[in-house]
Amino acid sequence: MRSLVLLAVALIVQAPAPSAGIDDVAWLTGCWEYSSGARTVEEHWLAPRGRTMMNAGRTVNGDKLVEFETVIIREQDGRLAYEAHPSGQPSAVFLSQRVADREVVFENLQHDFPQRVGYKREGDSLVGWIEGPRNGQTRRVEFAYHRVACGGD
């Protein structure tokens, strides 16, 4: 009997994690904005299509563009890959570590900063965050976004 219990536990521990698909993060779709004083950060996520989502993001201070970034989330070997293309920096890929109902965390421990990128949505609020080592300490930067109307006609 004891060996059957041990075998069952071993099978559960070794069971592969459920695969994540692009529809698991469809809740990111839409336009999101965070403001602090004259600084505004925007993220515009396109709905899933072709097993990908795309984001155009920018940070402005007053009427000056400070930085911009394009992100692609794509399915990769049963996980989600967050492929970031920030202005003035090399591209980096982070793989999903946690995909839950309206929450996702991506990680790349070989990257300098950040090593983790995450999002959590509650209603019309979205918290985005980046985290990793800086000067020997873990640093976390959060962006408390709220839903905004997408521009256009």
Protein backbone atom coordinates (compact mmCIF):
# COMPACT_ATOMS: atom_id res chain seq x y z
CA MET A 1 0.00 0.00 0.00
CA ARG A 2 2.77 2.42 0.92
CA SER A 3 4.47 1.88 -2.45
CA LEU A 4 1.20 2.70 -4.25
CA VAL A 5 0.93 5.97 -2.35
CA LEU A 6 4.54 6.83 -3.16
CA LEU A 7 3.97 6.00 -6.82
CA ALA A 8 0.86 8.21 -6.93
CA VAL A 9 2.74 11.10 -5.30
CA ALA A 10 5.64 10.67 -7.74
CA LEU A 11 3.27 10.76 -10.72
CA ILE A 12 1.57 13.91 -9.44
CA VAL A 13 4.90 15.65 -8.81
CA GLN A 14 6.21 14.69 -12.27
CA ALA A 15 3.00 15.56 -14.11
CA PRO A 16 3.65 18.29 -16.67
CA ALA A 17 2.22 21.71 -15.94
CA PRO A 18 -0.85 22.48 -18.00
CA SER A 19 0.11 24.24 -21.20
CA ALA A 20 -0.67 27.92 -21.56
CA GLY A 21 -2.30 29.32 -24.67
CA ILE A 22 -2.65 32.87 -25.90
CA ASP A 23 -6.34 32.96 -24.96
CA ASP A 24 -5.28 32.61 -21.31
CA VAL A 25 -4.05 36.24 -21.41
CA ALA A 26 -6.77 37.72 -23.66
CA TRP A 27 -7.84 39.80 -20.61
CA LEU A 28 -4.88 42.11 -21.40
CA THR A 29 -6.66 43.29 -24.57
CA GLY A 30 -7.36 47.00 -24.71
CA CYS A 31 -5.77 50.32 -23.85
CA TRP A 32 -4.24 50.99 -20.45
CA GLU A 33 -2.73 54.14 -18.97
CA TYR A 34 -0.75 55.08 -15.87
CA SER A 35 0.00 58.72 -14.96
CA SER A 36 2.22 60.29 -12.34
CA GLY A 37 2.57 64.07 -12.57
CA ALA A 38 3.55 64.95 -16.16
CA ARG A 39 4.65 61.34 -16.86
CA THR A 40 2.23 59.02 -18.68
CA VAL A 41 2.79 55.35 -19.54
CA GLU A 42 0.50 53.73 -22.12
CA GLU A 43 0.06 50.13 -23.22
CA HIS A 44 -2.19 49.20 -26.15
CA TRP A 45 -2.73 45.43 -26.39
CA LEU A 46 -4.25 43.91 -29.53
CA ALA A 47 -6.62 40.96 -29.13
CA PRO A 48 -5.24 37.46 -29.68
CA ARG A 49 -4.86 36.49 -33.31
CA GLY A 50 -2.53 33.99 -34.95
CA ARG A 51 -1.56 32.62 -31.50
CA THR A 52 -0.03 36.01 -30.60
CA MET A 53 -0.84 39.27 -28.89
CA MET A 54 0.97 42.52 -29.65
CA ASN A 55 1.49 45.62 -27.54
CA ALA A 56 2.64 49.11 -28.42
CA GLY A 57 3.76 51.03 -25.38
CA ARG A 58 5.22 54.46 -24.74
CA THR A 59 6.21 56.73 -21.91
CA VAL A 60 5.89 60.48 -22.32
CA ASN A 61 6.84 63.29 -19.98
CA GLY A 62 4.77 66.34 -20.84
CA ASP A 63 4.95 66.50 -24.62
CA LYS A 64 8.26 64.60 -24.92
CA LEU A 65 8.60 60.90 -25.79
CA VAL A 66 10.86 59.31 -23.16
CA GLU A 67 10.81 55.67 -24.30
CA PHE A 68 8.77 53.18 -26.28
CA GLU A 69 8.46 49.42 -26.51
CA THR A 70 6.86 46.76 -28.66
CA VAL A 71 5.94 43.44 -27.04
CA ILE A 72 4.78 40.21 -28.60
CA ILE A 73 3.30 37.44 -26.48
CA ARG A 74 3.35 34.15 -28.38
CA GLU A 75 2.81 30.50 -27.69
CA GLN A 76 6.05 28.54 -27.38
CA ASP A 77 6.34 24.86 -26.41
CA GLY A 78 3.29 24.86 -24.13
CA ARG A 79 4.21 28.17 -22.49
CA LEU A 80 3.85 31.83 -23.32
CA ALA A 81 6.85 33.86 -24.44
CA TYR A 82 6.93 37.60 -23.71
CA GLU A 83 9.23 39.08 -26.35
CA ALA A 84 10.14 42.65 -25.45
CA HIS A 85 11.67 45.15 -27.88
CA PRO A 86 12.43 48.26 -25.79
CA SER A 87 13.80 51.48 -27.30
CA GLY A 88 17.56 51.81 -26.98
CA GLN A 89 18.05 48.29 -25.56
CA PRO A 90 18.46 44.77 -26.93
CA SER A 91 15.37 42.58 -27.21
CA ALA A 92 14.70 40.00 -24.49
CA VAL A 93 12.40 36.98 -24.14
CA PHE A 94 10.75 36.01 -20.84
CA LEU A 95 8.85 32.71 -20.46
CA SER A 96 5.64 32.28 -18.49
CA GLN A 97 6.16 30.96 -14.97
CA ARG A 98 2.61 31.49 -13.77
CA VAL A 99 -0.57 31.81 -15.80
CA ALA A 100 -3.71 32.14 -13.70
CA ASP A 101 -7.12 33.74 -14.01
CA ARG A 102 -6.26 37.37 -14.92
CA GLU A 103 -2.67 37.08 -13.72
CA VAL A 104 0.55 36.19 -15.54
CA VAL A 105 4.23 36.23 -14.60
CA PHE A 106 7.09 35.89 -17.10
CA GLU A 107 10.72 35.24 -16.15
CA ASN A 108 14.23 35.32 -17.63
CA LEU A 109 16.87 34.89 -14.92
CA GLN A 110 19.69 35.43 -17.45
CA HIS A 111 18.51 38.99 -18.15
CA ASP A 112 20.02 41.84 -16.13
CA PHE A 113 16.95 43.94 -15.28
CA PRO A 114 14.18 43.12 -15.18
CA GLN A 115 14.20 39.36 -14.66
CA ARG A 116 10.44 39.13 -14.11
CA VAL A 117 7.51 40.87 -15.78
CA GLY A 118 3.97 40.48 -14.50
CA TYR A 119 0.40 41.64 -14.95
CA LYS A 120 -2.69 41.26 -12.78
CA ARG A 121 -6.12 42.55 -13.74
CA GLU A 122 -9.01 43.42 -11.46
CA GLY A 123 -11.98 44.94 -13.28
CA ASP A 124 -10.86 48.05 -15.16
CA SER A 125 -7.55 48.15 -13.26
CA LEU A 126 -4.35 46.47 -14.37
CA VAL A 127 -1.16 46.30 -12.33
CA GLY A 128 1.93 45.75 -14.42
CA TRP A 129 5.29 45.25 -12.78
CA ILE A 130 8.93 44.54 -13.46
CA GLU A 131 11.33 43.07 -10.94
CA GLY A 132 14.93 42.02 -10.63
CA PRO A 133 18.29 42.70 -9.04
CA ARG A 134 19.65 46.24 -8.88
CA ASN A 135 22.76 47.14 -6.87
CA GLY A 136 22.60 43.87 -4.93
CA GLN A 137 18.94 44.23 -3.95
CA THR A 138 15.68 43.09 -5.52
CA ARG A 139 13.88 46.06 -7.02
CA ARG A 140 10.22 46.05 -8.07
CA VAL A 141 8.56 48.79 -10.12
CA GLU A 142 4.76 48.79 -10.40
CA PHE A 143 2.46 50.54 -12.85
CA ALA A 144 -1.16 50.94 -11.70
CA TYR A 145 -2.94 51.20 -15.05
CA HIS A 146 -6.57 52.03 -15.62
CA ARG A 147 -8.55 51.26 -18.77
CA VAL A 148 -8.86 54.11 -21.27
CA ALA A 149 -10.58 54.44 -24.62
CA CYS A 150 -8.34 53.43 -27.49
CA GLY A 151 -7.56 56.32 -29.85
CA GLY A 152 -8.72 56.46 -33.42
CA ASP A 153 -11.80 57.60 -35.21
